[in-house]
């Protein structure tokens, strides 16, 4: 049986933590920043954990990460 391939786009967006959870960066921080408040932009800087409903599928497309 051949090796499984890692989905490279997902591998660049998610990192695995020490406990096995998936860490991701928040969206909406790249452009149209003038209408967003300073507080909102500041909160978008922090990373977040992937939702448990998506975590099973994400680990399936990234078997070696």
PDB file of N, CA and C in Angstrom:
ATOM      1  N   UNK A   1       0.855  -1.181   0.000  1.00  0.00           N
ATOM      2  CA  UNK A   1       0.000   0.000   0.000  1.00  0.00           C
ATOM      3  C   UNK A   1       0.898   1.241   0.000  1.00  0.00           C
ATOM      4  N   UNK A   2       0.617   2.218  -0.858  1.00  0.00           N
ATOM      5  CA  UNK A   2       1.483   3.403  -0.922  1.00  0.00           C
ATOM      6  C   UNK A   2       1.285   4.315   0.282  1.00  0.00           C
ATOM      7  N   UNK A   3       2.240   5.202   0.446  1.00  0.00           N
ATOM      8  CA  UNK A   3       2.150   6.174   1.524  1.00  0.00           C
ATOM      9  C   UNK A   3       0.997   7.133   1.259  1.00  0.00           C
ATOM     10  N   UNK A   4       0.443   7.667   2.352  1.00  0.00           N
ATOM     11  CA  UNK A   4      -0.599   8.683   2.217  1.00  0.00           C
ATOM     12  C   UNK A   4       0.060  10.027   1.982  1.00  0.00           C
ATOM     13  N   UNK A   5      -0.588  10.880   1.217  1.00  0.00           N
ATOM     14  CA  UNK A   5      -0.057  12.216   0.963  1.00  0.00           C
ATOM     15  C   UNK A   5      -0.664  13.209   1.947  1.00  0.00           C
ATOM     16  N   UNK A   6       0.176  14.128   2.393  1.00  0.00           N
ATOM     17  CA  UNK A   6      -0.279  15.221   3.249  1.00  0.00           C
ATOM     18  C   UNK A   6      -0.845  16.325   2.373  1.00  0.00           C
ATOM     19  N   UNK A   7      -1.989  16.859   2.765  1.00  0.00           N
ATOM     20  CA  UNK A   7      -2.550  18.014   2.081  1.00  0.00           C
ATOM     21  C   UNK A   7      -1.692  19.219   2.443  1.00  0.00           C
ATOM     22  N   UNK A   8      -0.924  19.727   1.468  1.00  0.00           N
ATOM     23  CA  UNK A   8       0.070  20.758   1.752  1.00  0.00           C
ATOM     24  C   UNK A   8      -0.557  22.084   2.164  1.00  0.00           C
ATOM     25  N   UNK A   9      -1.713  22.417   1.617  1.00  0.00           N
ATOM     26  CA  UNK A   9      -2.352  23.683   2.003  1.00  0.00           C
ATOM     27  C   UNK A   9      -2.778  23.640   3.469  1.00  0.00           C
ATOM     28  N   UNK A  10      -3.264  22.496   3.924  1.00  0.00           N
ATOM     29  CA  UNK A  10      -3.654  22.363   5.329  1.00  0.00           C
ATOM     30  C   UNK A  10      -2.432  22.333   6.233  1.00  0.00           C
ATOM     31  N   UNK A  11      -1.363  21.709   5.773  1.00  0.00           N
ATOM     32  CA  UNK A  11      -0.148  21.608   6.582  1.00  0.00           C
ATOM     33  C   UNK A  11       0.469  22.973   6.836  1.00  0.00           C
ATOM     34  N   UNK A  12       0.301  23.910   5.898  1.00  0.00           N
ATOM     35  CA  UNK A  12       0.831  25.247   6.070  1.00  0.00           C
ATOM     36  C   UNK A  12      -0.028  26.098   7.008  1.00  0.00           C
ATOM     37  N   UNK A  13      -1.282  25.707   7.190  1.00  0.00           N
ATOM     38  CA  UNK A  13      -2.211  26.517   7.988  1.00  0.00           C
ATOM     39  C   UNK A  13      -2.373  26.027   9.422  1.00  0.00           C
ATOM     40  N   UNK A  14      -2.091  24.761   9.683  1.00  0.00           N
ATOM     41  CA  UNK A  14      -2.332  24.179  10.994  1.00  0.00           C
ATOM     42  C   UNK A  14      -1.038  23.606  11.563  1.00  0.00           C
ATOM     43  N   UNK A  15      -0.884  23.703  12.874  1.00  0.00           N
ATOM     44  CA  UNK A  15       0.222  23.056  13.567  1.00  0.00           C
ATOM     45  C   UNK A  15      -0.344  22.243  14.720  1.00  0.00           C
ATOM     46  N   UNK A  16       0.298  21.149  15.010  1.00  0.00           N
ATOM     47  CA  UNK A  16      -0.161  20.289  16.091  1.00  0.00           C
ATOM     48  C   UNK A  16       0.513  20.715  17.394  1.00  0.00           C
ATOM     49  N   UNK A  17      -0.261  20.770  18.463  1.00  0.00           N
ATOM     50  CA  UNK A  17       0.273  21.129  19.766  1.00  0.00           C
ATOM     51  C   UNK A  17       0.804  19.872  20.452  1.00  0.00           C
ATOM     52  N   UNK A  18       1.373  20.052  21.619  1.00  0.00           N
ATOM     53  CA  UNK A  18       1.912  18.917  22.360  1.00  0.00           C
ATOM     54  C   UNK A  18       0.856  17.929  22.796  1.00  0.00           C
ATOM     55  N   UNK A  19      -0.364  18.408  23.019  1.00  0.00           N
ATOM     56  CA  UNK A  19      -1.447  17.517  23.441  1.00  0.00           C
ATOM     57  C   UNK A  19      -2.185  16.898  22.262  1.00  0.00           C
ATOM     58  N   UNK A  20      -1.799  17.269  21.031  1.00  0.00           N
ATOM     59  CA  UNK A  20      -2.423  16.669  19.852  1.00  0.00           C
ATOM     60  C   UNK A  20      -3.523  17.496  19.229  1.00  0.00           C
ATOM     61  N   UNK A  21      -3.829  18.662  19.812  1.00  0.00           N
ATOM     62  CA  UNK A  21      -4.840  19.532  19.217  1.00  0.00           C
ATOM     63  C   UNK A  21      -4.238  20.281  18.043  1.00  0.00           C
ATOM     64  N   UNK A  22      -5.097  20.853  17.195  1.00  0.00           N
ATOM     65  CA  UNK A  22      -4.631  21.603  16.037  1.00  0.00           C
ATOM     66  C   UNK A  22      -4.793  23.090  16.288  1.00  0.00           C
ATOM     67  N   UNK A  23      -3.718  23.838  16.073  1.00  0.00           N
ATOM     68  CA  UNK A  23      -3.712  25.278  16.277  1.00  0.00           C
ATOM     69  C   UNK A  23      -3.813  25.961  14.925  1.00  0.00           C
ATOM     70  N   UNK A  24      -4.575  27.054  14.858  1.00  0.00           N
ATOM     71  CA  UNK A  24      -4.768  27.772  13.605  1.00  0.00           C
ATOM     72  C   UNK A  24      -4.728  29.266  13.865  1.00  0.00           C
ATOM     73  N   UNK A  25      -4.485  30.026  12.803  1.00  0.00           N
ATOM     74  CA  UNK A  25      -4.560  31.480  12.895  1.00  0.00           C
ATOM     75  C   UNK A  25      -5.957  31.934  12.511  1.00  0.00           C
ATOM     76  N   UNK A  26      -6.374  33.064  13.041  1.00  0.00           N
ATOM     77  CA  UNK A  26      -7.711  33.578  12.758  1.00  0.00           C
ATOM     78  C   UNK A  26      -7.750  34.281  11.409  1.00  0.00           C
ATOM     79  N   UNK A  27      -8.914  34.278  10.804  1.00  0.00           N
ATOM     80  CA  UNK A  27      -9.115  34.905   9.503  1.00  0.00           C
ATOM     81  C   UNK A  27      -9.441  36.390   9.676  1.00  0.00           C
ATOM     82  N   UNK A  28      -9.622  37.091   8.570  1.00  0.00           N
ATOM     83  CA  UNK A  28     -10.049  38.506   8.506  1.00  0.00           C
ATOM     84  C   UNK A  28      -8.989  39.482   9.006  1.00  0.00           C
ATOM     85  N   UNK A  29      -7.720  39.185   8.816  1.00  0.00           N
ATOM     86  CA  UNK A  29      -6.664  40.074   9.283  1.00  0.00           C
ATOM     87  C   UNK A  29      -5.801  40.577   8.125  1.00  0.00           C
ATOM     88  N   UNK A  30      -6.179  40.284   6.869  1.00  0.00           N
ATOM     89  CA  UNK A  30      -5.274  40.592   5.766  1.00  0.00           C
ATOM     90  C   UNK A  30      -5.566  41.929   5.087  1.00  0.00           C
ATOM     91  N   UNK A  31      -6.817  42.298   4.922  1.00  0.00           N
ATOM     92  CA  UNK A  31      -7.124  43.567   4.244  1.00  0.00           C
ATOM     93  C   UNK A  31      -8.446  44.118   4.744  1.00  0.00           C
ATOM     94  N   UNK A  32      -8.791  45.314   4.291  1.00  0.00           N
ATOM     95  CA  UNK A  32      -9.966  46.068   4.770  1.00  0.00           C
ATOM     96  C   UNK A  32      -9.888  46.217   6.291  1.00  0.00           C
ATOM     97  N   UNK A  33      -8.753  46.721   6.759  1.00  0.00           N
ATOM     98  CA  UNK A  33      -8.535  46.838   8.197  1.00  0.00           C
ATOM     99  C   UNK A  33      -8.969  48.185   8.756  1.00  0.00           C
ATOM    100  N   UNK A  34      -9.285  49.149   7.885  1.00  0.00           N
ATOM    101  CA  UNK A  34      -9.623  50.487   8.380  1.00  0.00           C
ATOM    102  C   UNK A  34     -10.965  50.510   9.106  1.00  0.00           C
ATOM    103  N   UNK A  35     -11.899  49.703   8.677  1.00  0.00           N
ATOM    104  CA  UNK A  35     -13.216  49.712   9.322  1.00  0.00           C
ATOM    105  C   UNK A  35     -13.281  48.824  10.555  1.00  0.00           C
ATOM    106  N   UNK A  36     -12.255  48.037  10.802  1.00  0.00           N
ATOM    107  CA  UNK A  36     -12.230  47.174  11.974  1.00  0.00           C
ATOM    108  C   UNK A  36     -11.603  47.930  13.138  1.00  0.00           C
ATOM    109  N   UNK A  37     -12.154  47.708  14.327  1.00  0.00           N
ATOM    110  CA  UNK A  37     -11.666  48.419  15.497  1.00  0.00           C
ATOM    111  C   UNK A  37     -10.300  47.873  15.910  1.00  0.00           C
ATOM    112  N   UNK A  38      -9.575  48.672  16.674  1.00  0.00           N
ATOM    113  CA  UNK A  38      -8.255  48.266  17.159  1.00  0.00           C
ATOM    114  C   UNK A  38      -8.362  47.024  18.032  1.00  0.00           C
ATOM    115  N   UNK A  39      -9.403  46.971  18.852  1.00  0.00           N
ATOM    116  CA  UNK A  39      -9.601  45.820  19.732  1.00  0.00           C
ATOM    117  C   UNK A  39      -9.839  44.548  18.923  1.00  0.00           C
ATOM    118  N   UNK A  40     -10.633  44.678  17.873  1.00  0.00           N
ATOM    119  CA  UNK A  40     -10.927  43.519  17.028  1.00  0.00           C
ATOM    120  C   UNK A  40      -9.673  43.017  16.314  1.00  0.00           C
ATOM    121  N   UNK A  41      -8.874  43.940  15.790  1.00  0.00           N
ATOM    122  CA  UNK A  41      -7.632  43.552  15.108  1.00  0.00           C
ATOM    123  C   UNK A  41      -6.634  42.933  16.075  1.00  0.00           C
ATOM    124  N   UNK A  42      -6.596  43.447  17.291  1.00  0.00           N
ATOM    125  CA  UNK A  42      -5.691  42.913  18.310  1.00  0.00           C
ATOM    126  C   UNK A  42      -6.080  41.486  18.684  1.00  0.00           C
ATOM    127  N   UNK A  43      -7.384  41.226  18.786  1.00  0.00           N
ATOM    128  CA  UNK A  43      -7.851  39.887  19.129  1.00  0.00           C
ATOM    129  C   UNK A  43      -7.661  38.899  17.987  1.00  0.00           C
ATOM    130  N   UNK A  44      -7.578  39.390  16.767  1.00  0.00           N
ATOM    131  CA  UNK A  44      -7.340  38.499  15.627  1.00  0.00           C
ATOM    132  C   UNK A  44      -5.897  38.013  15.567  1.00  0.00           C
ATOM    133  N   UNK A  45      -4.999  38.663  16.290  1.00  0.00           N
ATOM    134  CA  UNK A  45      -3.590  38.249  16.278  1.00  0.00           C
ATOM    135  C   UNK A  45      -3.377  36.920  16.972  1.00  0.00           C
ATOM    136  N   UNK A  46      -4.149  36.656  18.027  1.00  0.00           N
ATOM    137  CA  UNK A  46      -3.955  35.427  18.785  1.00  0.00           C
ATOM    138  C   UNK A  46      -4.422  34.217  17.988  1.00  0.00           C
ATOM    139  N   UNK A  47      -3.708  33.119  18.143  1.00  0.00           N
ATOM    140  CA  UNK A  47      -4.104  31.896  17.454  1.00  0.00           C
ATOM    141  C   UNK A  47      -5.239  31.233  18.226  1.00  0.00           C
ATOM    142  N   UNK A  48      -5.936  30.325  17.549  1.00  0.00           N
ATOM    143  CA  UNK A  48      -7.067  29.633  18.151  1.00  0.00           C
ATOM    144  C   UNK A  48      -6.924  28.140  17.885  1.00  0.00           C
ATOM    145  N   UNK A  49      -7.701  27.357  18.603  1.00  0.00           N
ATOM    146  CA  UNK A  49      -7.709  25.912  18.391  1.00  0.00           C
ATOM    147  C   UNK A  49      -8.790  25.558  17.373  1.00  0.00           C
ATOM    148  N   UNK A  50      -8.538  24.523  16.603  1.00  0.00           N
ATOM    149  CA  UNK A  50      -9.521  24.056  15.627  1.00  0.00           C
ATOM    150  C   UNK A  50     -10.702  23.446  16.367  1.00  0.00           C
ATOM    151  N   UNK A  51     -11.891  23.655  15.846  1.00  0.00           N
ATOM    152  CA  UNK A  51     -13.101  23.128  16.454  1.00  0.00           C
ATOM    153  C   UNK A  51     -13.073  21.607  16.428  1.00  0.00           C
ATOM    154  N   UNK A  52     -13.619  20.986  17.461  1.00  0.00           N
ATOM    155  CA  UNK A  52     -13.594  19.528  17.564  1.00  0.00           C
ATOM    156  C   UNK A  52     -14.352  18.840  16.438  1.00  0.00           C
ATOM    157  N   UNK A  53     -15.350  19.512  15.869  1.00  0.00           N
ATOM    158  CA  UNK A  53     -16.113  18.904  14.777  1.00  0.00           C
ATOM    159  C   UNK A  53     -15.274  18.777  13.513  1.00  0.00           C
ATOM    160  N   UNK A  54     -14.281  19.646  13.332  1.00  0.00           N
ATOM    161  CA  UNK A  54     -13.422  19.597  12.152  1.00  0.00           C
ATOM    162  C   UNK A  54     -12.125  18.849  12.392  1.00  0.00           C
ATOM    163  N   UNK A  55     -11.772  18.618  13.636  1.00  0.00           N
ATOM    164  CA  UNK A  55     -10.452  18.089  13.962  1.00  0.00           C
ATOM    165  C   UNK A  55     -10.216  16.696  13.382  1.00  0.00           C
ATOM    166  N   UNK A  56     -11.230  15.855  13.370  1.00  0.00           N
ATOM    167  CA  UNK A  56     -11.088  14.494  12.842  1.00  0.00           C
ATOM    168  C   UNK A  56     -10.743  14.529  11.353  1.00  0.00           C
ATOM    169  N   UNK A  57     -11.436  15.378  10.581  1.00  0.00           N
ATOM    170  CA  UNK A  57     -11.161  15.485   9.151  1.00  0.00           C
ATOM    171  C   UNK A  57      -9.790  16.095   8.889  1.00  0.00           C
ATOM    172  N   UNK A  58      -9.390  17.065   9.704  1.00  0.00           N
ATOM    173  CA  UNK A  58      -8.098  17.718   9.506  1.00  0.00           C
ATOM    174  C   UNK A  58      -6.954  16.742   9.752  1.00  0.00           C
ATOM    175  N   UNK A  59      -7.092  15.899  10.767  1.00  0.00           N
ATOM    176  CA  UNK A  59      -6.048  14.913  11.052  1.00  0.00           C
ATOM    177  C   UNK A  59      -5.986  13.839   9.974  1.00  0.00           C
ATOM    178  N   UNK A  60      -7.107  13.596   9.308  1.00  0.00           N
ATOM    179  CA  UNK A  60      -7.133  12.607   8.231  1.00  0.00           C
ATOM    180  C   UNK A  60      -6.367  13.097   7.015  1.00  0.00           C
ATOM    181  N   UNK A  61      -6.444  14.379   6.703  1.00  0.00           N
ATOM    182  CA  UNK A  61      -5.726  14.901   5.515  1.00  0.00           C
ATOM    183  C   UNK A  61      -4.287  15.282   5.840  1.00  0.00           C
ATOM    184  N   UNK A  62      -3.942  15.246   7.145  1.00  0.00           N
ATOM    185  CA  UNK A  62      -2.555  15.508   7.552  1.00  0.00           C
ATOM    186  C   UNK A  62      -2.075  14.346   8.431  1.00  0.00           C
ATOM    187  N   UNK A  63      -1.801  13.190   7.843  1.00  0.00           N
ATOM    188  CA  UNK A  63      -1.498  12.009   8.667  1.00  0.00           C
ATOM    189  C   UNK A  63      -0.154  12.072   9.371  1.00  0.00           C
ATOM    190  N   UNK A  64       0.810  12.844   8.879  1.00  0.00           N
ATOM    191  CA  UNK A  64       2.164  12.817   9.440  1.00  0.00           C
ATOM    192  C   UNK A  64       2.522  14.069  10.213  1.00  0.00           C
ATOM    193  N   UNK A  65       1.536  14.924  10.462  1.00  0.00           N
ATOM    194  CA  UNK A  65       1.826  16.178  11.170  1.00  0.00           C
ATOM    195  C   UNK A  65       1.278  16.116  12.570  1.00  0.00           C
TER     196      UNK A  65
END
